[in-house]
N, C-alpha and C. Protein backbone atom coordinates (compact mmCIF):
# COMPACT_ATOMS: atom_id res chain seq x y z
N MET A 1 140.58 87.39 -96.08
CA MET A 1 138.90 88.20 -96.72
C MET A 1 138.41 87.01 -96.43
N SER A 2 136.80 87.41 -95.94
CA SER A 2 135.85 86.62 -95.96
C SER A 2 135.41 86.71 -97.23
N GLY A 3 134.76 85.22 -97.70
CA GLY A 3 133.49 85.47 -98.87
C GLY A 3 132.53 86.27 -99.06
N LEU A 4 131.82 86.48 -99.59
CA LEU A 4 130.56 86.82 -99.81
C LEU A 4 129.19 86.30 -98.96
N SER A 5 129.80 84.75 -99.17
CA SER A 5 128.52 84.16 -98.53
C SER A 5 128.91 84.07 -96.86
N ASP A 6 129.88 84.20 -96.30
CA ASP A 6 130.25 84.65 -95.21
C ASP A 6 129.61 85.98 -94.54
N LEU A 7 129.87 86.99 -95.53
CA LEU A 7 129.72 88.33 -94.97
C LEU A 7 128.13 88.23 -95.10
N LEU A 8 127.36 87.68 -96.08
CA LEU A 8 125.88 87.49 -96.12
C LEU A 8 125.16 86.67 -94.90
N ASP A 9 125.88 85.79 -94.35
CA ASP A 9 125.33 84.79 -93.20
C ASP A 9 125.67 85.73 -92.12
N ALA A 10 126.89 86.80 -91.74
CA ALA A 10 127.15 87.27 -90.49
C ALA A 10 125.75 88.21 -90.51
N ASP A 11 125.30 89.04 -91.89
CA ASP A 11 124.00 90.35 -92.16
C ASP A 11 123.07 89.54 -91.20
N PHE A 12 122.91 88.37 -91.86
CA PHE A 12 121.45 87.67 -91.81
C PHE A 12 121.43 87.69 -90.32
N ALA A 13 122.37 86.94 -89.65
CA ALA A 13 122.43 86.78 -88.13
C ALA A 13 122.13 88.16 -87.38
N ASP A 14 123.14 89.35 -87.77
CA ASP A 14 122.74 90.64 -87.18
C ASP A 14 121.38 91.15 -87.41
N VAL A 15 120.49 91.33 -88.29
CA VAL A 15 119.40 91.33 -88.77
C VAL A 15 118.56 90.22 -87.86
N LEU A 16 118.64 89.26 -87.75
CA LEU A 16 117.44 88.36 -86.72
C LEU A 16 117.99 89.10 -85.93
N ALA A 17 119.16 89.15 -85.01
CA ALA A 17 119.07 89.34 -83.63
C ALA A 17 118.43 90.47 -82.97
N GLU A 18 118.66 91.79 -84.27
CA GLU A 18 118.31 92.88 -84.47
C GLU A 18 116.57 93.31 -84.48
N ALA A 19 115.85 92.29 -85.58
CA ALA A 19 114.99 92.78 -85.53
C ALA A 19 113.66 91.36 -85.91
N GLY A 20 114.42 90.22 -85.54
CA GLY A 20 113.58 89.29 -85.44
C GLY A 20 112.44 89.12 -84.58
N GLU A 21 111.22 88.28 -85.03
CA GLU A 21 110.24 88.35 -84.26
C GLU A 21 110.30 86.81 -83.71
N ARG A 22 109.67 86.47 -82.31
CA ARG A 22 109.55 85.46 -82.03
C ARG A 22 108.34 84.67 -82.23
N VAL A 23 108.54 83.56 -83.15
CA VAL A 23 107.42 82.48 -83.70
C VAL A 23 107.53 81.35 -83.16
N THR A 24 106.59 80.54 -83.52
CA THR A 24 106.90 78.95 -82.85
C THR A 24 106.53 78.32 -84.30
N TYR A 25 107.62 77.11 -84.29
CA TYR A 25 107.82 76.63 -85.79
C TYR A 25 107.44 75.10 -85.47
N THR A 26 106.49 74.72 -86.23
CA THR A 26 106.04 73.54 -86.02
C THR A 26 106.45 72.55 -87.31
N PRO A 27 107.05 71.68 -87.00
CA PRO A 27 107.33 71.09 -88.43
C PRO A 27 106.05 69.76 -88.84
N ALA A 28 106.00 69.87 -89.95
CA ALA A 28 104.90 69.00 -90.89
C ALA A 28 105.08 67.49 -90.52
N ASP A 29 106.17 67.19 -90.23
CA ASP A 29 106.54 65.77 -89.97
C ASP A 29 106.35 65.08 -88.48
N GLY A 30 105.76 66.22 -87.85
CA GLY A 30 105.07 65.60 -86.10
C GLY A 30 106.33 65.75 -85.09
N SER A 31 107.68 66.46 -85.54
CA SER A 31 108.34 66.71 -84.50
C SER A 31 107.88 67.84 -83.47
N ALA A 32 108.70 68.09 -82.37
CA ALA A 32 108.44 69.05 -81.65
C ALA A 32 108.33 70.47 -81.72
N ALA A 33 107.55 71.29 -81.38
CA ALA A 33 108.20 72.62 -82.30
C ALA A 33 108.76 73.39 -81.33
N SER A 34 109.30 74.61 -81.72
CA SER A 34 110.40 75.08 -81.18
C SER A 34 109.85 76.57 -81.28
N THR A 35 110.41 77.44 -80.50
CA THR A 35 110.19 79.26 -80.73
C THR A 35 111.52 79.29 -81.40
N ILE A 36 111.46 80.18 -81.84
CA ILE A 36 112.55 81.02 -82.90
C ILE A 36 112.76 82.50 -83.28
N SER A 37 113.79 82.95 -83.70
CA SER A 37 113.17 84.32 -84.48
C SER A 37 113.06 84.26 -86.06
N ALA A 38 112.47 84.87 -86.36
CA ALA A 38 112.26 84.98 -87.38
C ALA A 38 111.97 86.09 -88.32
N ILE A 39 112.28 86.49 -89.33
CA ILE A 39 112.12 88.12 -90.14
C ILE A 39 111.07 87.78 -90.98
N LEU A 40 109.86 88.33 -90.60
CA LEU A 40 108.53 88.26 -91.57
C LEU A 40 108.59 89.47 -92.40
N GLY A 41 108.05 89.30 -93.35
CA GLY A 41 108.01 89.88 -94.50
C GLY A 41 106.57 90.65 -94.60
N ALA A 42 105.84 91.77 -95.56
CA ALA A 42 104.92 92.32 -95.54
C ALA A 42 103.74 91.19 -96.09
N VAL A 43 102.68 91.18 -95.78
CA VAL A 43 101.42 90.53 -96.44
C VAL A 43 101.22 91.16 -97.66
N GLU A 44 101.09 89.61 -98.28
CA GLU A 44 100.67 89.91 -99.90
C GLU A 44 99.31 89.30 -100.05
N LEU A 45 98.84 89.63 -101.29
CA LEU A 45 97.52 88.99 -101.54
C LEU A 45 97.59 88.20 -102.81
N ARG A 46 97.45 87.21 -102.83
CA ARG A 46 97.46 86.27 -104.06
C ARG A 46 96.15 85.49 -104.61
N PRO A 47 96.06 85.39 -105.64
CA PRO A 47 94.75 84.18 -105.95
C PRO A 47 95.24 83.14 -105.74
N ASP A 48 94.16 82.48 -105.14
CA ASP A 48 94.18 80.69 -105.08
C ASP A 48 94.58 80.30 -106.35
N MET A 49 95.51 79.25 -106.27
CA MET A 49 95.95 78.98 -107.62
C MET A 49 95.52 77.78 -108.13
N GLU A 50 94.34 77.34 -107.09
CA GLU A 50 94.00 75.57 -107.35
C GLU A 50 92.61 76.01 -108.20
N GLY A 51 91.86 76.97 -107.40
CA GLY A 51 90.65 77.59 -108.60
C GLY A 51 90.54 78.23 -109.26
N ALA A 52 89.63 78.76 -109.68
CA ALA A 52 90.15 80.00 -111.06
C ALA A 52 90.33 81.41 -110.43
N GLY A 53 90.58 81.46 -109.37
CA GLY A 53 91.28 82.43 -108.75
C GLY A 53 90.45 83.39 -108.42
N GLU A 54 89.38 82.97 -107.97
CA GLU A 54 88.00 84.05 -107.44
C GLU A 54 88.38 84.38 -105.88
N TYR A 55 89.41 83.63 -105.25
CA TYR A 55 89.65 83.98 -103.99
C TYR A 55 90.84 84.42 -103.73
N GLU A 56 91.07 85.47 -102.94
CA GLU A 56 92.58 85.70 -102.61
C GLU A 56 93.39 85.11 -101.31
N VAL A 57 94.28 84.96 -101.39
CA VAL A 57 94.99 84.37 -99.97
C VAL A 57 95.82 85.22 -99.76
N GLN A 58 96.38 85.45 -98.01
CA GLN A 58 97.47 85.82 -97.91
C GLN A 58 98.80 85.48 -97.51
N VAL A 59 99.57 86.01 -97.95
CA VAL A 59 100.92 84.99 -98.16
C VAL A 59 102.13 85.90 -97.79
N ARG A 60 103.15 85.50 -97.04
CA ARG A 60 104.05 86.42 -96.28
C ARG A 60 105.70 85.53 -96.63
N ARG A 61 106.53 86.64 -96.87
CA ARG A 61 107.88 85.67 -96.89
C ARG A 61 108.30 85.66 -95.51
N VAL A 62 108.77 84.51 -94.72
CA VAL A 62 109.46 84.55 -93.26
C VAL A 62 110.94 83.82 -93.78
N GLY A 63 111.98 84.64 -93.12
CA GLY A 63 113.23 84.26 -93.01
C GLY A 63 113.75 83.56 -91.93
N VAL A 64 114.33 82.26 -92.04
CA VAL A 64 114.82 81.61 -90.80
C VAL A 64 115.97 81.10 -90.86
N SER A 65 116.62 80.85 -89.77
CA SER A 65 117.94 80.49 -89.75
C SER A 65 117.87 79.12 -90.20
N LEU A 66 118.98 78.72 -90.72
CA LEU A 66 119.10 77.23 -90.88
C LEU A 66 119.52 76.57 -89.45
N ALA A 67 120.00 77.55 -88.65
CA ALA A 67 120.99 76.99 -87.57
C ALA A 67 119.57 76.96 -86.39
N ASP A 68 118.33 77.15 -86.70
CA ASP A 68 117.31 77.04 -85.95
C ASP A 68 116.33 75.49 -86.15
N ILE A 69 115.94 75.99 -87.60
CA ILE A 69 115.76 75.19 -88.59
C ILE A 69 116.51 74.76 -89.65
N ALA A 70 116.63 73.11 -89.42
CA ALA A 70 117.58 72.57 -90.03
C ALA A 70 117.01 72.25 -91.82
N ALA A 71 116.04 71.58 -91.53
CA ALA A 71 115.16 71.51 -93.16
C ALA A 71 113.91 71.74 -93.20
N PRO A 72 113.68 73.14 -93.23
CA PRO A 72 112.61 73.45 -93.60
C PRO A 72 111.56 72.62 -94.57
N ALA A 73 110.51 72.55 -94.17
CA ALA A 73 109.71 71.64 -95.14
C ALA A 73 108.19 72.14 -95.62
N LEU A 74 107.79 71.56 -97.01
CA LEU A 74 106.37 72.36 -97.24
C LEU A 74 105.29 71.54 -96.11
N GLY A 75 104.31 72.88 -95.70
CA GLY A 75 103.43 72.22 -94.75
C GLY A 75 103.65 72.43 -93.22
N ASP A 76 105.01 72.87 -93.14
CA ASP A 76 105.32 73.23 -91.66
C ASP A 76 104.44 74.66 -91.52
N ARG A 77 104.42 74.78 -90.19
CA ARG A 77 103.48 75.71 -89.40
C ARG A 77 104.36 76.92 -88.59
N ILE A 78 104.02 78.01 -88.84
CA ILE A 78 104.48 78.99 -88.42
C ILE A 78 103.74 79.81 -87.62
N THR A 79 103.65 80.04 -86.34
CA THR A 79 102.54 80.83 -85.55
C THR A 79 103.37 82.08 -84.96
N PHE A 80 102.34 83.38 -84.82
CA PHE A 80 102.66 84.47 -84.17
C PHE A 80 101.42 85.11 -84.15
N ASP A 81 101.58 85.79 -83.30
CA ASP A 81 100.59 86.87 -83.44
C ASP A 81 99.36 86.36 -83.06
N GLY A 82 98.68 84.88 -82.96
CA GLY A 82 97.65 84.26 -82.73
C GLY A 82 97.44 83.56 -83.98
N SER A 83 98.09 83.93 -84.99
CA SER A 83 97.84 83.49 -86.49
C SER A 83 98.62 82.24 -86.69
N THR A 84 98.44 81.56 -87.51
CA THR A 84 99.02 80.23 -88.03
C THR A 84 99.03 80.30 -89.76
N TRP A 85 100.41 80.01 -90.02
CA TRP A 85 100.93 80.57 -91.21
C TRP A 85 101.56 78.80 -91.69
N ALA A 86 101.16 78.42 -93.06
CA ALA A 86 101.58 77.27 -93.50
C ALA A 86 102.89 77.38 -94.73
N VAL A 87 103.94 77.03 -94.82
CA VAL A 87 104.93 76.65 -95.47
C VAL A 87 104.30 76.39 -96.79
N GLY A 88 104.37 77.21 -97.67
CA GLY A 88 104.30 76.67 -99.16
C GLY A 88 104.89 76.42 -100.24
N ARG A 89 106.28 77.21 -100.08
CA ARG A 89 107.15 77.26 -100.68
C ARG A 89 108.48 77.41 -99.98
N ILE A 90 109.41 76.98 -100.47
CA ILE A 90 110.72 77.44 -99.90
C ILE A 90 111.16 78.35 -101.18
N ALA A 91 111.20 79.52 -101.25
CA ALA A 91 112.05 80.58 -101.82
C ALA A 91 113.26 80.53 -102.44
N LEU A 92 114.62 80.17 -101.20
CA LEU A 92 115.32 80.55 -101.50
C LEU A 92 115.84 80.36 -100.06
N ARG A 93 117.12 79.30 -100.42
CA ARG A 93 117.65 78.56 -99.19
C ARG A 93 119.28 78.63 -99.80
N GLY A 94 120.14 78.70 -98.65
CA GLY A 94 121.58 79.20 -99.20
C GLY A 94 122.10 79.89 -97.77
N GLY A 95 123.45 79.29 -97.62
CA GLY A 95 124.18 79.96 -96.34
C GLY A 95 123.77 79.17 -95.30
N SER A 96 123.53 80.10 -94.45
CA SER A 96 122.72 79.76 -93.27
C SER A 96 121.16 80.24 -92.91
N ALA A 97 120.62 80.56 -94.06
CA ALA A 97 119.46 80.92 -94.07
C ALA A 97 118.31 80.67 -94.93
N ALA A 98 116.79 80.44 -94.91
CA ALA A 98 116.26 80.13 -95.64
C ALA A 98 114.74 81.39 -95.92
N SER A 99 114.79 81.42 -97.05
CA SER A 99 113.26 82.29 -97.24
C SER A 99 112.10 81.53 -97.75
N LEU A 100 111.00 81.46 -96.93
CA LEU A 100 109.96 80.73 -96.81
C LEU A 100 108.73 81.25 -97.29
N GLU A 101 107.72 81.05 -98.30
CA GLU A 101 106.88 81.56 -98.51
C GLU A 101 105.58 80.83 -97.64
N ALA A 102 104.85 81.41 -96.51
CA ALA A 102 103.53 80.95 -95.88
C ALA A 102 102.65 81.43 -96.40
N VAL A 103 101.50 80.66 -96.43
CA VAL A 103 100.07 81.23 -96.36
C VAL A 103 99.27 80.99 -95.06
N LEU A 104 98.48 82.21 -95.14
CA LEU A 104 97.74 82.55 -93.51
C LEU A 104 96.64 81.07 -93.90
N VAL A 105 96.61 79.98 -92.64
CA VAL A 105 95.46 79.00 -92.72
C VAL A 105 94.79 79.87 -91.55
N ASP A 106 93.47 79.85 -91.97
CA ASP A 106 92.24 80.12 -91.17
C ASP A 106 91.69 78.94 -90.44
N HIS A 107 91.87 77.67 -90.83
CA HIS A 107 91.28 76.57 -90.45
C HIS A 107 91.87 75.46 -91.43
N GLU A 108 91.73 74.35 -90.71
CA GLU A 108 92.29 73.02 -91.48
C GLU A 108 91.01 72.79 -92.93
N SER A 109 90.34 73.14 -92.98
CA SER A 109 89.65 72.91 -94.30
C SER A 109 90.20 73.50 -95.28
N LEU A 110 91.16 74.31 -95.17
CA LEU A 110 91.88 75.00 -96.30
C LEU A 110 92.67 73.96 -96.91
N GLY A 111 93.18 72.82 -96.54
CA GLY A 111 93.88 71.65 -97.08
C GLY A 111 95.32 71.91 -97.41
N ASP A 112 95.79 71.68 -98.66
CA ASP A 112 97.33 71.50 -98.57
C ASP A 112 97.40 73.13 -98.88
N PRO A 113 98.67 73.32 -98.10
CA PRO A 113 99.09 75.10 -98.48
C PRO A 113 99.80 74.94 -99.76
N ARG A 114 100.64 74.03 -100.35
CA ARG A 114 101.02 74.03 -101.18
C ARG A 114 100.42 74.79 -102.76
N ARG A 115 99.01 74.44 -102.44
CA ARG A 115 98.15 75.17 -103.83
C ARG A 115 97.91 76.43 -104.06
N PHE A 116 98.44 77.33 -102.80
CA PHE A 116 98.59 78.53 -102.81
C PHE A 116 100.05 79.36 -103.44
N ALA A 117 100.77 78.16 -103.40
CA ALA A 117 102.23 79.19 -103.44
C ALA A 117 102.20 78.81 -105.32
N GLU A 118 103.15 79.99 -105.92
CA GLU A 118 103.68 80.01 -107.10
C GLU A 118 104.50 78.65 -107.26
N PRO A 119 104.51 78.24 -108.62
CA PRO A 119 105.53 77.21 -108.93
C PRO A 119 106.86 78.04 -108.62
N ILE A 120 107.65 76.61 -108.55
CA ILE A 120 109.00 76.99 -108.58
C ILE A 120 109.82 77.14 -109.62
N ARG A 121 110.42 78.11 -110.18
CA ARG A 121 110.93 78.19 -111.78
C ARG A 121 112.00 78.13 -112.21
């Protein structure tokens, strides 16, 4: 009998095959970009954690396969539908998948995307 981890890995692979969206994933370390399938979560509005919270930013969860992206990192870029999102937090990593929190990046003047993410508790 397979363990729970094996079942979850198989389930994620099935979901990715059925509902995955094609995205361009560009590592922050300058490595080559690649086109992968990802599960895109709903957009949430969150306060900008750097300032006094007077601005809201768009954040969404993005599920990726660790077979496609072995070492997701803060600052990596995810592009789809003409928008670029920057990884600000690795929310969960286990088995064959990672759940990333990414913030919409309108332009480079936004600076470090990690400032928009909630601290890991």
